[in-house]
Amino acid sequence: MKKKRQQLSEWYGKFAPILILIVFCIIFTAFNPRFLSLRNMRILAQQSAILWVIAMGGTFIILAGSIDLSVGGIMAMSSVTLSLLVLNLRNNNNFGLLGILIAALVGAGFGCLNGLIHAKVKIPSLLVTLGTSFIGTGLAVVIYKGHPIRIQDATFRSLSIGNILGIPTIFIIASIIFIFAVFLERYTRFGRYVYAIGGGERQARLVGIPVDRYKILIFTMSGLLFGLGGILNAGRIGVGTAMVGIGAFQAIAAVVIGGTALSGGVGGMFRTLIGVWILTVMNNGMILMRINPYIQDAVVGVFMIIAVIVTIDRSKILIMK
């Protein structure tokens, strides 16, 4: 039975997400030929970019066998910080690229805090990051005092809403981040240790891997990516606000539906890429079909449950953190 379950999990990870994506494309094109139009492909690329960036951060966390619910809070803080540091209607600041860097570091700082509390205080990551999400969102609301801060920096806005040779710039930025994330995952000690920790934390400690140190690094990296997601979102909508519109559920759903096991140690960035496109195509197609948004959420939930059932290693359930 265990062998069959493992074979099913491997099959799902390798083939099912791609098949699901192809089937959705066929169905939505049949209902509305405009789905595969060049214009809609550009819309899909733009819609997928921010989710893609934050899902990459979630991938590192889930591969390591943890959960991060702080996406919304970190994105909110990075978004509001960015809007106050670049040219805006609230103050006289105009730090340009330095403002972007500081806002990204705010995200990394929240991630580092998550890692420190989880690794050193031994509090489950789910509880730590849930608390951090509330802290980040609350601080962001206090900072901008309930009135979104409008961004006037034209150069920064063009990074999020412009295009290069017809390709949305925000998608190109996400692609560059993806290349960096794949490099970290596949060709560095950091990536190898992420898989080792997710595959079995106790065994990782026994072979000498400094688990606590790398958990802090993993959460810091995810916080950085969540922060970049918040920055891109601020540029896309033109304001710094705590209402980011994308949260932990979407990021986790993209990772898991793509075939990365929620129990850790199995999956990766390419699977997450497919998961992101499944969600993006699904949402876009159902909008074209004028399906109720609540039905859309229900469909995502169903696919997420199926993916978890197929991919999760039940022998790790009692020790998941």
C-alpha atoms as a PDB file:
ATOM      1  CA  MET A   1       0.000   0.000   0.000  1.00  0.00           C
ATOM      2  CA  LYS A   2       2.795   2.406   0.927  1.00  0.00           C
ATOM      3  CA  LYS A   3       4.623   1.600  -2.314  1.00  0.00           C
ATOM      4  CA  LYS A   4       1.498   2.305  -4.388  1.00  0.00           C
ATOM      5  CA  ARG A   5       0.974   5.601  -2.566  1.00  0.00           C
ATOM      6  CA  GLN A   6       4.590   6.572  -3.247  1.00  0.00           C
ATOM      7  CA  GLN A   7       4.200   5.699  -6.944  1.00  0.00           C
ATOM      8  CA  LEU A   8       0.993   7.762  -7.120  1.00  0.00           C
ATOM      9  CA  SER A   9       2.763  10.689  -5.473  1.00  0.00           C
ATOM     10  CA  GLU A  10       5.638  10.477  -7.953  1.00  0.00           C
ATOM     11  CA  TRP A  11       3.219  10.264 -10.890  1.00  0.00           C
ATOM     12  CA  TYR A  12       1.288  13.290  -9.667  1.00  0.00           C
ATOM     13  CA  GLY A  13       4.454  15.325  -9.192  1.00  0.00           C
ATOM     14  CA  LYS A  14       5.764  14.526 -12.673  1.00  0.00           C
ATOM     15  CA  PHE A  15       2.679  14.496 -14.889  1.00  0.00           C
ATOM     16  CA  ALA A  16      -0.611  15.501 -13.256  1.00  0.00           C
ATOM     17  CA  PRO A  17      -0.040  19.287 -12.924  1.00  0.00           C
ATOM     18  CA  ILE A  18       0.964  19.627 -16.584  1.00  0.00           C
ATOM     19  CA  LEU A  19      -2.020  17.539 -17.686  1.00  0.00           C
ATOM     20  CA  ILE A  20      -4.341  19.650 -15.522  1.00  0.00           C
ATOM     21  CA  LEU A  21      -2.938  22.841 -17.076  1.00  0.00           C
ATOM     22  CA  ILE A  22      -3.418  21.496 -20.618  1.00  0.00           C
ATOM     23  CA  VAL A  23      -6.979  20.354 -19.881  1.00  0.00           C
ATOM     24  CA  PHE A  24      -7.899  23.770 -18.446  1.00  0.00           C
ATOM     25  CA  CYS A  25      -6.475  25.517 -21.519  1.00  0.00           C
ATOM     26  CA  ILE A  26      -8.519  23.262 -23.819  1.00  0.00           C
ATOM     27  CA  ILE A  27     -11.738  23.728 -21.830  1.00  0.00           C
ATOM     28  CA  PHE A  28     -11.466  27.518 -21.543  1.00  0.00           C
ATOM     29  CA  THR A  29     -10.532  27.896 -25.219  1.00  0.00           C
ATOM     30  CA  ALA A  30     -13.564  25.817 -26.186  1.00  0.00           C
ATOM     31  CA  PHE A  31     -15.834  28.120 -24.164  1.00  0.00           C
ATOM     32  CA  ASN A  32     -14.123  31.334 -25.244  1.00  0.00           C
ATOM     33  CA  PRO A  33     -11.646  31.420 -28.196  1.00  0.00           C
ATOM     34  CA  ARG A  34     -10.231  34.694 -26.851  1.00  0.00           C
ATOM     35  CA  PHE A  35      -8.567  32.712 -24.056  1.00  0.00           C
ATOM     36  CA  LEU A  36      -5.562  31.845 -26.245  1.00  0.00           C
ATOM     37  CA  SER A  37      -5.322  35.275 -27.859  1.00  0.00           C
ATOM     38  CA  LEU A  38      -1.999  37.124 -27.633  1.00  0.00           C
ATOM     39  CA  ARG A  39      -3.664  39.851 -25.590  1.00  0.00           C
ATOM     40  CA  ASN A  40      -4.931  37.363 -23.014  1.00  0.00           C
ATOM     41  CA  MET A  41      -1.525  35.637 -22.874  1.00  0.00           C
ATOM     42  CA  ARG A  42      -0.017  38.980 -21.871  1.00  0.00           C
ATOM     43  CA  ILE A  43      -2.723  39.407 -19.251  1.00  0.00           C
ATOM     44  CA  LEU A  44      -1.978  35.919 -17.908  1.00  0.00           C
ATOM     45  CA  ALA A  45       1.736  36.695 -17.724  1.00  0.00           C
ATOM     46  CA  GLN A  46       1.051  39.902 -15.810  1.00  0.00           C
ATOM     47  CA  GLN A  47      -1.467  38.252 -13.494  1.00  0.00           C
ATOM     48  CA  SER A  48       0.875  35.369 -12.650  1.00  0.00           C
ATOM     49  CA  ALA A  49       3.991  37.392 -11.808  1.00  0.00           C
ATOM     50  CA  ILE A  50       3.333  38.453  -8.195  1.00  0.00           C
ATOM     51  CA  LEU A  51       1.865  35.101  -7.189  1.00  0.00           C
ATOM     52  CA  TRP A  52       4.886  33.450  -8.819  1.00  0.00           C
ATOM     53  CA  VAL A  53       7.332  35.504  -6.738  1.00  0.00           C
ATOM     54  CA  ILE A  54       5.654  34.829  -3.394  1.00  0.00           C
ATOM     55  CA  ALA A  55       5.073  31.161  -4.279  1.00  0.00           C
ATOM     56  CA  MET A  56       8.828  30.798  -4.779  1.00  0.00           C
ATOM     57  CA  GLY A  57       9.294  31.965  -1.204  1.00  0.00           C
ATOM     58  CA  GLY A  58       6.639  29.504  -0.071  1.00  0.00           C
ATOM     59  CA  THR A  59       8.393  26.708  -1.966  1.00  0.00           C
ATOM     60  CA  PHE A  60      11.568  27.009   0.123  1.00  0.00           C
ATOM     61  CA  ILE A  61       9.488  26.931   3.298  1.00  0.00           C
ATOM     62  CA  ILE A  62       7.360  23.927   2.318  1.00  0.00           C
ATOM     63  CA  LEU A  63      10.356  21.991   0.959  1.00  0.00           C
ATOM     64  CA  ALA A  64      11.882  22.391   4.427  1.00  0.00           C
ATOM     65  CA  GLY A  65       8.755  20.910   6.025  1.00  0.00           C
ATOM     66  CA  SER A  66       7.367  24.157   7.466  1.00  0.00           C
ATOM     67  CA  ILE A  67       4.450  26.499   6.767  1.00  0.00           C
ATOM     68  CA  ASP A  68       4.541  30.279   6.367  1.00  0.00           C
ATOM     69  CA  LEU A  69       1.327  32.270   6.809  1.00  0.00           C
ATOM     70  CA  SER A  70       3.006  35.658   7.078  1.00  0.00           C
ATOM     71  CA  VAL A  71       2.739  36.457   3.350  1.00  0.00           C
ATOM     72  CA  GLY A  72       0.038  39.113   3.702  1.00  0.00           C
ATOM     73  CA  GLY A  73       1.707  40.902   6.606  1.00  0.00           C
ATOM     74  CA  ILE A  74       5.147  40.986   5.005  1.00  0.00           C
ATOM     75  CA  MET A  75       3.766  42.144   1.661  1.00  0.00           C
ATOM     76  CA  ALA A  76       1.803  44.878   3.436  1.00  0.00           C
ATOM     77  CA  MET A  77       4.844  46.175   5.327  1.00  0.00           C
ATOM     78  CA  SER A  78       7.104  46.109   2.271  1.00  0.00           C
ATOM     79  CA  SER A  79       4.420  47.775   0.159  1.00  0.00           C
ATOM     80  CA  VAL A  80       3.844  50.621   2.612  1.00  0.00           C
ATOM     81  CA  THR A  81       7.570  51.062   3.327  1.00  0.00           C
ATOM     82  CA  LEU A  82       8.285  51.304  -0.391  1.00  0.00           C
ATOM     83  CA  SER A  83       5.518  53.844  -0.986  1.00  0.00           C
ATOM     84  CA  LEU A  84       6.923  56.104   1.747  1.00  0.00           C
ATOM     85  CA  LEU A  85      10.486  55.983   0.403  1.00  0.00           C
ATOM     86  CA  VAL A  86      10.002  56.541  -3.324  1.00  0.00           C
ATOM     87  CA  LEU A  87       8.417  59.674  -4.809  1.00  0.00           C
ATOM     88  CA  ASN A  88       4.900  59.866  -3.368  1.00  0.00           C
ATOM     89  CA  LEU A  89       2.078  62.206  -2.361  1.00  0.00           C
ATOM     90  CA  ARG A  90       2.598  61.804   1.415  1.00  0.00           C
ATOM     91  CA  ASN A  91       6.129  63.162   1.958  1.00  0.00           C
ATOM     92  CA  ASN A  92       9.181  64.536   0.144  1.00  0.00           C
ATOM     93  CA  ASN A  93      11.158  61.290   0.005  1.00  0.00           C
ATOM     94  CA  ASN A  94      12.608  60.182  -3.309  1.00  0.00           C
ATOM     95  CA  PHE A  95      15.128  57.423  -2.607  1.00  0.00           C
ATOM     96  CA  GLY A  96      14.488  55.510  -5.824  1.00  0.00           C
ATOM     97  CA  LEU A  97      16.310  52.158  -5.989  1.00  0.00           C
ATOM     98  CA  LEU A  98      17.521  52.578  -2.404  1.00  0.00           C
ATOM     99  CA  GLY A  99      13.880  52.710  -1.301  1.00  0.00           C
ATOM    100  CA  ILE A 100      13.202  49.454  -3.137  1.00  0.00           C
ATOM    101  CA  LEU A 101      16.201  47.832  -1.446  1.00  0.00           C
ATOM    102  CA  ILE A 102      15.103  48.985   2.022  1.00  0.00           C
ATOM    103  CA  ALA A 103      11.546  47.729   1.448  1.00  0.00           C
ATOM    104  CA  ALA A 104      12.914  44.329   0.352  1.00  0.00           C
ATOM    105  CA  LEU A 105      15.102  44.193   3.467  1.00  0.00           C
ATOM    106  CA  VAL A 106      12.023  44.873   5.600  1.00  0.00           C
ATOM    107  CA  GLY A 107      10.551  41.672   4.156  1.00  0.00           C
ATOM    108  CA  ALA A 108      13.785  39.779   4.812  1.00  0.00           C
ATOM    109  CA  GLY A 109      13.824  41.129   8.378  1.00  0.00           C
ATOM    110  CA  PHE A 110      10.330  39.809   9.091  1.00  0.00           C
ATOM    111  CA  GLY A 111      11.341  36.472   7.610  1.00  0.00           C
ATOM    112  CA  CYS A 112      14.458  36.367   9.779  1.00  0.00           C
ATOM    113  CA  LEU A 113      12.284  37.071  12.833  1.00  0.00           C
ATOM    114  CA  ASN A 114      10.033  34.164  11.852  1.00  0.00           C
ATOM    115  CA  GLY A 115      13.042  31.877  11.538  1.00  0.00           C
ATOM    116  CA  LEU A 116      14.610  32.947  14.815  1.00  0.00           C
ATOM    117  CA  ILE A 117      11.438  32.400  16.839  1.00  0.00           C
ATOM    118  CA  HIS A 118      10.659  29.104  15.112  1.00  0.00           C
ATOM    119  CA  ALA A 119      14.176  27.674  15.307  1.00  0.00           C
ATOM    120  CA  LYS A 120      15.351  29.016  18.664  1.00  0.00           C
ATOM    121  CA  VAL A 121      12.137  29.225  20.700  1.00  0.00           C
ATOM    122  CA  LYS A 122      10.783  26.007  19.110  1.00  0.00           C
ATOM    123  CA  ILE A 123       7.341  27.392  18.338  1.00  0.00           C
ATOM    124  CA  PRO A 124       5.608  25.755  15.324  1.00  0.00           C
ATOM    125  CA  SER A 125       6.084  27.776  12.160  1.00  0.00           C
ATOM    126  CA  LEU A 126       2.343  27.962  11.524  1.00  0.00           C
ATOM    127  CA  LEU A 127       1.734  29.836  14.803  1.00  0.00           C
ATOM    128  CA  VAL A 128       4.795  32.069  14.513  1.00  0.00           C
ATOM    129  CA  THR A 129       4.027  33.185  10.972  1.00  0.00           C
ATOM    130  CA  LEU A 130       0.326  33.665  11.669  1.00  0.00           C
ATOM    131  CA  GLY A 131       1.286  36.068  14.450  1.00  0.00           C
ATOM    132  CA  THR A 132       3.809  37.842  12.220  1.00  0.00           C
ATOM    133  CA  SER A 133       1.165  38.285   9.541  1.00  0.00           C
ATOM    134  CA  PHE A 134      -1.109  40.114  11.982  1.00  0.00           C
ATOM    135  CA  ILE A 135       1.820  42.221  13.225  1.00  0.00           C
ATOM    136  CA  GLY A 136       2.883  43.211   9.710  1.00  0.00           C
ATOM    137  CA  THR A 137      -0.634  44.053   8.560  1.00  0.00           C
ATOM    138  CA  GLY A 138      -1.386  45.993  11.759  1.00  0.00           C
ATOM    139  CA  LEU A 139       1.828  48.028  11.569  1.00  0.00           C
ATOM    140  CA  ALA A 140       1.238  48.793   7.905  1.00  0.00           C
ATOM    141  CA  VAL A 141      -2.270  50.140   8.637  1.00  0.00           C
ATOM    142  CA  VAL A 142      -0.919  52.283  11.497  1.00  0.00           C
ATOM    143  CA  ILE A 143       1.876  53.667   9.307  1.00  0.00           C
ATOM    144  CA  TYR A 144      -0.319  54.748   6.405  1.00  0.00           C
ATOM    145  CA  LYS A 145      -3.185  55.709   8.768  1.00  0.00           C
ATOM    146  CA  GLY A 146      -5.913  54.075   6.717  1.00  0.00           C
ATOM    147  CA  HIS A 147      -5.187  56.191   3.633  1.00  0.00           C
ATOM    148  CA  PRO A 148      -3.241  54.370   0.883  1.00  0.00           C
ATOM    149  CA  ILE A 149      -0.080  56.222  -0.139  1.00  0.00           C
ATOM    150  CA  ARG A 150      -0.071  57.018  -3.845  1.00  0.00           C
ATOM    151  CA  ILE A 151       3.232  56.428  -5.636  1.00  0.00           C
ATOM    152  CA  GLN A 152       4.436  59.000  -8.186  1.00  0.00           C
ATOM    153  CA  ASP A 153       7.794  57.461  -9.137  1.00  0.00           C
ATOM    154  CA  ALA A 154       7.300  56.897 -12.880  1.00  0.00           C
ATOM    155  CA  THR A 155      10.415  54.751 -13.296  1.00  0.00           C
ATOM    156  CA  PHE A 156       9.342  52.381 -10.548  1.00  0.00           C
ATOM    157  CA  ARG A 157       5.759  52.197 -11.850  1.00  0.00           C
ATOM    158  CA  SER A 158       7.048  51.252 -15.298  1.00  0.00           C
ATOM    159  CA  LEU A 159       8.778  48.215 -13.786  1.00  0.00           C
ATOM    160  CA  SER A 160       5.392  46.878 -12.720  1.00  0.00           C
ATOM    161  CA  ILE A 161       3.045  48.013 -15.488  1.00  0.00           C
ATOM    162  CA  GLY A 162       5.356  48.509 -18.482  1.00  0.00           C
ATOM    163  CA  ASN A 163       6.476  45.977 -21.082  1.00  0.00           C
ATOM    164  CA  ILE A 164       9.568  45.059 -23.071  1.00  0.00           C
ATOM    165  CA  LEU A 165       8.996  43.796 -26.627  1.00  0.00           C
ATOM    166  CA  GLY A 166       5.378  43.135 -25.710  1.00  0.00           C
ATOM    167  CA  ILE A 167       6.264  41.088 -22.615  1.00  0.00           C
ATOM    168  CA  PRO A 168       5.116  42.570 -19.272  1.00  0.00           C
ATOM    169  CA  THR A 169       8.143  43.871 -17.373  1.00  0.00           C
ATOM    170  CA  ILE A 170       6.791  42.458 -14.125  1.00  0.00           C
ATOM    171  CA  PHE A 171       6.819  38.968 -15.693  1.00  0.00           C
ATOM    172  CA  ILE A 172      10.430  39.448 -16.830  1.00  0.00           C
ATOM    173  CA  ILE A 173      11.405  40.458 -13.283  1.00  0.00           C
ATOM    174  CA  ALA A 174       9.655  37.369 -11.888  1.00  0.00           C
ATOM    175  CA  SER A 175      11.494  35.212 -14.443  1.00  0.00           C
ATOM    176  CA  ILE A 176      14.869  36.616 -13.340  1.00  0.00           C
ATOM    177  CA  ILE A 177      13.983  35.914  -9.703  1.00  0.00           C
ATOM    178  CA  PHE A 178      12.964  32.388 -10.749  1.00  0.00           C
ATOM    179  CA  ILE A 179      16.373  31.750 -12.332  1.00  0.00           C
ATOM    180  CA  PHE A 180      18.023  32.882  -9.101  1.00  0.00           C
ATOM    181  CA  ALA A 181      15.708  30.677  -6.999  1.00  0.00           C
ATOM    182  CA  VAL A 182      16.376  27.617  -9.198  1.00  0.00           C
ATOM    183  CA  PHE A 183      20.117  28.233  -8.883  1.00  0.00           C
ATOM    184  CA  LEU A 184      19.828  28.358  -5.093  1.00  0.00           C
ATOM    185  CA  GLU A 185      17.660  25.248  -5.041  1.00  0.00           C
ATOM    186  CA  ARG A 186      19.741  23.049  -7.334  1.00  0.00           C
ATOM    187  CA  TYR A 187      23.343  24.231  -7.238  1.00  0.00           C
ATOM    188  CA  THR A 188      24.087  25.446  -3.715  1.00  0.00           C
ATOM    189  CA  ARG A 189      24.530  23.976  -0.247  1.00  0.00           C
ATOM    190  CA  PHE A 190      21.538  26.047   0.820  1.00  0.00           C
ATOM    191  CA  GLY A 191      19.290  24.164  -1.612  1.00  0.00           C
ATOM    192  CA  ARG A 192      20.652  20.742  -0.657  1.00  0.00           C
ATOM    193  CA  TYR A 193      20.091  21.462   3.022  1.00  0.00           C
ATOM    194  CA  VAL A 194      16.527  22.678   2.364  1.00  0.00           C
ATOM    195  CA  TYR A 195      15.693  19.263   0.904  1.00  0.00           C
ATOM    196  CA  ALA A 196      17.590  17.444   3.665  1.00  0.00           C
ATOM    197  CA  ILE A 197      15.732  19.286   6.439  1.00  0.00           C
ATOM    198  CA  GLY A 198      12.384  18.690   4.762  1.00  0.00           C
ATOM    199  CA  GLY A 199      13.216  15.036   4.180  1.00  0.00           C
ATOM    200  CA  GLY A 200      13.884  14.462   7.859  1.00  0.00           C
ATOM    201  CA  GLU A 201      14.966  17.080  10.369  1.00  0.00           C
ATOM    202  CA  ARG A 202      16.236  14.555  12.902  1.00  0.00           C
ATOM    203  CA  GLN A 203      18.359  12.766  10.311  1.00  0.00           C
ATOM    204  CA  ALA A 204      19.672  16.115   9.067  1.00  0.00           C
ATOM    205  CA  ARG A 205      20.889  16.951  12.564  1.00  0.00           C
ATOM    206  CA  LEU A 206      22.532  13.549  12.910  1.00  0.00           C
ATOM    207  CA  VAL A 207      24.646  14.072   9.784  1.00  0.00           C
ATOM    208  CA  GLY A 208      25.837  17.441  11.056  1.00  0.00           C
ATOM    209  CA  ILE A 209      23.636  19.909   9.209  1.00  0.00           C
ATOM    210  CA  PRO A 210      23.171  23.096  11.284  1.00  0.00           C
ATOM    211  CA  VAL A 211      19.394  22.878  11.045  1.00  0.00           C
ATOM    212  CA  ASP A 212      18.536  25.928  13.152  1.00  0.00           C
ATOM    213  CA  ARG A 213      20.881  28.191  11.195  1.00  0.00           C
ATOM    214  CA  TYR A 214      19.499  27.056   7.867  1.00  0.00           C
ATOM    215  CA  LYS A 215      15.909  27.338   9.022  1.00  0.00           C
ATOM    216  CA  ILE A 216      16.589  30.988   9.824  1.00  0.00           C
ATOM    217  CA  LEU A 217      18.150  31.436   6.374  1.00  0.00           C
ATOM    218  CA  ILE A 218      15.188  29.708   4.709  1.00  0.00           C
ATOM    219  CA  PHE A 219      12.648  31.960   6.426  1.00  0.00           C
ATOM    220  CA  THR A 220      14.789  35.015   5.677  1.00  0.00           C
ATOM    221  CA  MET A 221      14.892  34.101   1.995  1.00  0.00           C
ATOM    222  CA  SER A 222      11.136  33.556   1.904  1.00  0.00           C
ATOM    223  CA  GLY A 223      10.581  36.894   3.669  1.00  0.00           C
ATOM    224  CA  LEU A 224      12.743  38.591   1.042  1.00  0.00           C
ATOM    225  CA  LEU A 225      10.650  37.068  -1.749  1.00  0.00           C
ATOM    226  CA  PHE A 226       7.394  37.993   0.003  1.00  0.00           C
ATOM    227  CA  GLY A 227       8.749  41.527   0.352  1.00  0.00           C
ATOM    228  CA  LEU A 228       9.575  41.664  -3.357  1.00  0.00           C
ATOM    229  CA  GLY A 229       6.027  40.499  -4.049  1.00  0.00           C
ATOM    230  CA  GLY A 230       4.715  43.400  -1.948  1.00  0.00           C
ATOM    231  CA  ILE A 231       6.959  45.843  -3.800  1.00  0.00           C
ATOM    232  CA  LEU A 232       5.787  44.643  -7.210  1.00  0.00           C
ATOM    233  CA  ASN A 233       2.181  44.770  -6.043  1.00  0.00           C
ATOM    234  CA  ALA A 234       2.602  48.374  -4.887  1.00  0.00           C
ATOM    235  CA  GLY A 235       4.016  49.272  -8.277  1.00  0.00           C
ATOM    236  CA  ARG A 236       1.208  47.473 -10.090  1.00  0.00           C
ATOM    237  CA  ILE A 237      -1.652  49.219  -8.277  1.00  0.00           C
ATOM    238  CA  GLY A 238       0.247  52.484  -7.712  1.00  0.00           C
ATOM    239  CA  VAL A 239      -0.300  52.694  -3.946  1.00  0.00           C
ATOM    240  CA  GLY A 240       1.172  51.368  -0.728  1.00  0.00           C
ATOM    241  CA  THR A 241      -1.536  49.577   1.232  1.00  0.00           C
ATOM    242  CA  ALA A 242      -2.069  46.704   3.643  1.00  0.00           C
ATOM    243  CA  MET A 243      -4.810  45.316   1.380  1.00  0.00           C
ATOM    244  CA  VAL A 244      -2.444  43.353  -0.865  1.00  0.00           C
ATOM    245  CA  GLY A 245      -5.057  41.026  -2.374  1.00  0.00           C
ATOM    246  CA  ILE A 246      -2.743  37.996  -2.386  1.00  0.00           C
ATOM    247  CA  GLY A 247      -2.197  35.917   0.724  1.00  0.00           C
ATOM    248  CA  ALA A 248      -0.815  32.730   2.167  1.00  0.00           C
ATOM    249  CA  PHE A 249      -3.625  30.551   0.812  1.00  0.00           C
ATOM    250  CA  GLN A 250      -2.849  31.368  -2.829  1.00  0.00           C
ATOM    251  CA  ALA A 251       0.893  30.901  -2.334  1.00  0.00           C
ATOM    252  CA  ILE A 252       0.518  27.556  -0.547  1.00  0.00           C
ATOM    253  CA  ALA A 253      -2.102  26.414  -3.079  1.00  0.00           C
ATOM    254  CA  ALA A 254       0.231  27.166  -6.001  1.00  0.00           C
ATOM    255  CA  VAL A 255       3.091  25.241  -4.384  1.00  0.00           C
ATOM    256  CA  VAL A 256       1.007  22.209  -3.411  1.00  0.00           C
ATOM    257  CA  ILE A 257      -1.083  21.997  -6.601  1.00  0.00           C
ATOM    258  CA  GLY A 258       2.187  22.093  -8.533  1.00  0.00           C
ATOM    259  CA  GLY A 259       3.232  18.861  -6.823  1.00  0.00           C
ATOM    260  CA  THR A 260       5.473  19.924  -3.931  1.00  0.00           C
ATOM    261  CA  ALA A 261       4.645  17.772  -0.909  1.00  0.00           C
ATOM    262  CA  LEU A 262       3.289  19.661   2.094  1.00  0.00           C
ATOM    263  CA  SER A 263       5.247  17.257   4.317  1.00  0.00           C
ATOM    264  CA  GLY A 264       8.535  18.545   2.870  1.00  0.00           C
ATOM    265  CA  GLY A 265      11.524  17.210   0.982  1.00  0.00           C
ATOM    266  CA  VAL A 266       9.790  16.613  -2.372  1.00  0.00           C
ATOM    267  CA  GLY A 267       9.095  19.115  -5.147  1.00  0.00           C
ATOM    268  CA  GLY A 268      10.730  22.282  -6.347  1.00  0.00           C
ATOM    269  CA  MET A 269      10.564  25.553  -8.239  1.00  0.00           C
ATOM    270  CA  PHE A 270       9.569  24.111 -11.611  1.00  0.00           C
ATOM    271  CA  ARG A 271       6.592  22.358 -10.044  1.00  0.00           C
ATOM    272  CA  THR A 272       5.622  25.613  -8.372  1.00  0.00           C
ATOM    273  CA  LEU A 273       5.783  27.365 -11.746  1.00  0.00           C
ATOM    274  CA  ILE A 274       3.215  24.913 -13.111  1.00  0.00           C
ATOM    275  CA  GLY A 275       1.075  25.366  -9.983  1.00  0.00           C
ATOM    276  CA  VAL A 276       1.124  29.149 -10.428  1.00  0.00           C
ATOM    277  CA  TRP A 277       0.014  28.816 -14.035  1.00  0.00           C
ATOM    278  CA  ILE A 278      -2.734  26.374 -13.112  1.00  0.00           C
ATOM    279  CA  LEU A 279      -4.185  28.886 -10.628  1.00  0.00           C
ATOM    280  CA  THR A 280      -3.717  31.840 -12.991  1.00  0.00           C
ATOM    281  CA  VAL A 281      -5.273  30.039 -15.956  1.00  0.00           C
ATOM    282  CA  MET A 282      -8.091  28.717 -13.760  1.00  0.00           C
ATOM    283  CA  ASN A 283      -8.968  32.165 -12.395  1.00  0.00           C
ATOM    284  CA  ASN A 284      -8.660  33.878 -15.772  1.00  0.00           C
ATOM    285  CA  GLY A 285     -10.698  31.231 -17.567  1.00  0.00           C
ATOM    286  CA  MET A 286     -13.469  31.201 -14.988  1.00  0.00           C
ATOM    287  CA  ILE A 287     -13.671  34.995 -15.159  1.00  0.00           C
ATOM    288  CA  LEU A 288     -14.080  34.757 -18.949  1.00  0.00           C
ATOM    289  CA  MET A 289     -16.825  32.173 -18.324  1.00  0.00           C
ATOM    290  CA  ARG A 290     -18.383  34.559 -15.750  1.00  0.00           C
ATOM    291  CA  ILE A 291     -18.305  31.983 -12.978  1.00  0.00           C
ATOM    292  CA  ASN A 292     -19.071  33.205  -9.455  1.00  0.00           C
ATOM    293  CA  PRO A 293     -15.821  34.178  -7.619  1.00  0.00           C
ATOM    294  CA  TYR A 294     -16.829  32.047  -4.620  1.00  0.00           C
ATOM    295  CA  ILE A 295     -17.094  29.031  -6.916  1.00  0.00           C
ATOM    296  CA  GLN A 296     -13.579  29.829  -8.126  1.00  0.00           C
ATOM    297  CA  ASP A 297     -12.268  29.699  -4.554  1.00  0.00           C
ATOM    298  CA  ALA A 298     -14.077  26.414  -3.992  1.00  0.00           C
ATOM    299  CA  VAL A 299     -12.487  24.872  -7.093  1.00  0.00           C
ATOM    300  CA  VAL A 300      -9.009  25.931  -5.922  1.00  0.00           C
ATOM    301  CA  GLY A 301      -9.747  24.412  -2.511  1.00  0.00           C
ATOM    302  CA  VAL A 302     -10.793  21.097  -4.055  1.00  0.00           C
ATOM    303  CA  PHE A 303      -7.637  20.874  -6.152  1.00  0.00           C
ATOM    304  CA  MET A 304      -5.492  21.747  -3.142  1.00  0.00           C
ATOM    305  CA  ILE A 305      -7.060  18.996  -1.018  1.00  0.00           C
ATOM    306  CA  ILE A 306      -6.555  16.440  -3.790  1.00  0.00           C
ATOM    307  CA  ALA A 307      -2.931  17.493  -4.220  1.00  0.00           C
ATOM    308  CA  VAL A 308      -2.257  17.197  -0.478  1.00  0.00           C
ATOM    309  CA  ILE A 309      -3.890  13.758  -0.291  1.00  0.00           C
ATOM    310  CA  VAL A 310      -1.780  12.483  -3.176  1.00  0.00           C
ATOM    311  CA  THR A 311       1.592  14.010  -2.290  1.00  0.00           C
ATOM    312  CA  ILE A 312       1.812  14.124   1.500  1.00  0.00           C
ATOM    313  CA  ASP A 313       3.969  11.571   3.314  1.00  0.00           C
ATOM    314  CA  ARG A 314       1.762  10.427   6.186  1.00  0.00           C
ATOM    315  CA  SER A 315       4.728   9.080   8.140  1.00  0.00           C
ATOM    316  CA  LYS A 316       5.794  12.705   8.705  1.00  0.00           C
ATOM    317  CA  ILE A 317       2.456  14.077   9.831  1.00  0.00           C
ATOM    318  CA  LEU A 318       3.223  13.731  13.537  1.00  0.00           C
ATOM    319  CA  ILE A 319       6.525  15.573  13.240  1.00  0.00           C
ATOM    320  CA  MET A 320       5.573  18.329  10.793  1.00  0.00           C
ATOM    321  CA  LYS A 321       6.434  21.758  12.152  1.00  0.00           C
END
